[in-house]
Protein backbone atom coordinates (compact mmCIF):
# COMPACT_ATOMS: atom_id res chain seq x y z
CA UNK A 1 -0.44 -3.68 16.79
CA UNK A 2 -1.80 -0.27 15.84
CA UNK A 3 -0.79 0.83 12.33
CA UNK A 4 -0.44 4.60 12.04
CA UNK A 5 -1.72 6.36 8.93
CA UNK A 6 0.81 7.60 6.40
CA UNK A 7 0.79 11.39 5.92
CA UNK A 8 1.90 13.35 2.87
CA UNK A 9 1.44 16.61 1.00
CA UNK A 10 0.45 16.73 -2.65
CA UNK A 11 3.27 18.03 -4.84
CA UNK A 12 2.76 20.31 -7.83
CA UNK A 13 4.34 17.81 -10.23
CA UNK A 14 1.69 15.23 -9.26
CA UNK A 15 -1.07 17.35 -10.78
CA UNK A 16 -2.27 17.49 -14.37
CA UNK A 17 -3.51 20.25 -16.70
CA UNK A 18 -6.78 20.38 -14.74
CA UNK A 19 -4.80 21.15 -11.55
CA UNK A 20 -5.83 17.90 -9.90
CA UNK A 21 -3.73 14.86 -9.05
CA UNK A 22 -3.25 12.68 -12.12
CA UNK A 23 -5.02 9.34 -11.67
CA UNK A 24 -1.80 7.31 -11.97
CA UNK A 25 -0.37 8.92 -8.84
CA UNK A 26 -3.00 7.42 -6.55
CA UNK A 27 -1.48 3.97 -7.08
CA UNK A 28 1.88 5.48 -6.13
CA UNK A 29 0.34 6.92 -2.97
CA UNK A 30 -0.98 3.46 -2.10
CA UNK A 31 2.52 2.05 -2.58
CA UNK A 32 4.04 4.70 -0.32
CA UNK A 33 1.46 3.91 2.36
CA UNK A 34 1.93 0.15 1.94
CA UNK A 35 5.71 0.47 2.30
CA UNK A 36 5.14 2.54 5.43
CA UNK A 37 2.78 -0.18 6.72
CA UNK A 38 5.40 -2.87 6.07
CA UNK A 39 8.03 -0.79 7.85
CA UNK A 40 5.74 -0.37 10.87
CA UNK A 41 5.28 -4.14 11.19
CA UNK A 42 9.03 -4.70 10.98
CA UNK A 43 9.26 -5.95 7.40
CA UNK A 44 12.46 -4.87 5.70
CA UNK A 45 11.44 -4.85 2.04
CA UNK A 46 15.04 -4.25 0.95
CA UNK A 47 16.20 -7.35 2.91
CA UNK A 48 13.49 -9.41 1.19
CA UNK A 49 14.68 -8.21 -2.20
CA UNK A 50 18.28 -9.00 -1.23
CA UNK A 51 17.08 -12.59 -0.62
CA UNK A 52 15.59 -12.64 -4.11
CA UNK A 53 11.97 -12.13 -3.06
CA UNK A 54 9.71 -9.36 -4.33
CA UNK A 55 6.14 -8.55 -3.37
CA UNK A 56 4.59 -7.93 -6.77
CA UNK A 57 1.38 -6.03 -7.44
CA UNK A 58 -0.99 -8.23 -9.44
CA UNK A 59 -4.13 -6.06 -9.20
CA UNK A 60 -4.83 -2.44 -8.29
CA UNK A 61 -8.04 -0.44 -8.04
CA UNK A 62 -8.86 3.14 -7.05
CA UNK A 63 -12.18 4.92 -6.63
CA UNK A 64 -11.88 8.69 -6.94
CA UNK A 65 -14.42 10.47 -4.75
CA UNK A 66 -13.05 14.01 -4.36
CA UNK A 67 -10.08 15.28 -6.40
CA UNK A 68 -6.80 16.01 -4.66
CA UNK A 69 -5.00 19.24 -5.56
CA UNK A 70 -1.58 20.79 -5.15
CA UNK A 71 -0.59 21.37 -1.52
CA UNK A 72 -3.45 19.31 -0.05
CA UNK A 73 -2.37 17.54 3.11
CA UNK A 74 -3.70 14.00 3.28
CA UNK A 75 -3.29 10.84 5.26
CA UNK A 76 -3.63 7.30 3.99
CA UNK A 77 -4.81 4.39 6.09
CA UNK A 78 -3.69 0.94 5.01
CA UNK A 79 -5.52 -2.17 6.12
CA UNK A 80 -4.59 -5.78 5.50
CA UNK A 81 -7.81 -7.45 4.33
CA UNK A 82 -6.82 -10.90 3.06
CA UNK A 83 -3.91 -13.28 3.37
CA UNK A 84 -3.52 -16.69 1.78
CA UNK A 85 -0.61 -18.90 0.86
CA UNK A 86 -0.32 -17.09 -2.47
CA UNK A 87 -1.59 -13.55 -2.03
CA UNK A 88 -1.84 -10.50 0.20
CA UNK A 89 -4.60 -7.91 -0.16
CA UNK A 90 -4.69 -4.37 1.20
CA UNK A 91 -7.35 -1.65 1.25
CA UNK A 92 -6.63 2.07 1.42
CA UNK A 93 -8.44 5.27 2.31
CA UNK A 94 -7.06 8.69 1.45
CA UNK A 95 -8.51 11.45 3.61
CA UNK A 96 -7.93 15.18 3.84
CA UNK A 97 -5.86 15.83 6.96
CA UNK A 98 -7.67 19.03 7.91
CA UNK A 99 -11.24 17.71 7.62
CA UNK A 100 -11.04 13.90 7.70
CA UNK A 101 -13.19 13.86 4.53
CA UNK A 102 -12.74 10.76 2.38
CA UNK A 103 -11.17 11.54 -1.02
CA UNK A 104 -10.22 8.13 -2.43
CA UNK A 105 -10.50 4.44 -1.65
CA UNK A 106 -8.53 1.63 -3.18
CA UNK A 107 -7.17 -1.86 -2.94
CA UNK A 108 -4.19 -3.82 -4.15
CA UNK A 109 -3.45 -7.52 -4.42
CA UNK A 110 0.09 -8.89 -4.25
CA UNK A 111 1.98 -12.13 -4.55
CA UNK A 112 5.56 -13.06 -3.72
CA UNK A 113 7.83 -13.84 -6.64
CA UNK A 114 11.41 -15.06 -6.89
CA UNK A 115 14.19 -13.60 -9.03
CA UNK A 116 12.74 -15.39 -12.07
CA UNK A 117 9.35 -13.74 -11.41
CA UNK A 118 7.84 -17.10 -10.53
CA UNK A 119 5.20 -17.04 -7.78
CA UNK A 120 6.20 -18.51 -4.45
CA UNK A 121 4.26 -19.08 -1.23
CA UNK A 122 4.52 -16.14 1.15
CA UNK A 123 5.32 -18.46 4.04
CA UNK A 124 8.26 -19.92 2.10
CA UNK A 125 9.48 -16.47 1.10
CA UNK A 126 9.47 -15.18 4.68
CA UNK A 127 7.79 -17.25 7.41
CA UNK A 128 8.15 -14.47 10.02
CA UNK A 129 6.41 -11.98 7.73
CA UNK A 130 3.62 -14.48 7.03
CA UNK A 131 3.06 -15.00 10.79
CA UNK A 132 3.08 -11.26 11.47
CA UNK A 133 0.53 -10.64 8.72
CA UNK A 134 -1.60 -13.57 9.88
CA UNK A 135 -1.63 -12.20 13.43
CA UNK A 136 -2.62 -8.74 12.18
CA UNK A 137 -5.45 -10.17 10.13
CA UNK A 138 -6.81 -12.15 13.09
CA UNK A 139 -7.11 -9.03 15.27
């Protein structure tokens, strides 16, 4: 399965007094791209939540290479890099759409939790999702 990059434009409200994207927004961009990734593989995040399962972020990292500014058009690639019984890891690249130049890299680690915020095995939370992710990782 080929995962398409997620495209977006930088909004004015995402910038700070230096006219660059505030650092906290990069984690939001990763989340947008990750949700798009999950949608592309057929995972209905809302249906998971309706079953009492959330995919919680337990670690996030971003490396800022070139600042993003208002009205920049970018695309974000999302790659599944690790899957275990307890966690899922993704890596991200944010690139300028017009030049393909790398602006930011990042990664996030997640675990499944129940309504009480207790960790639960991904396979138990959604066995079909676990198999889909496992198959993606093996390719």
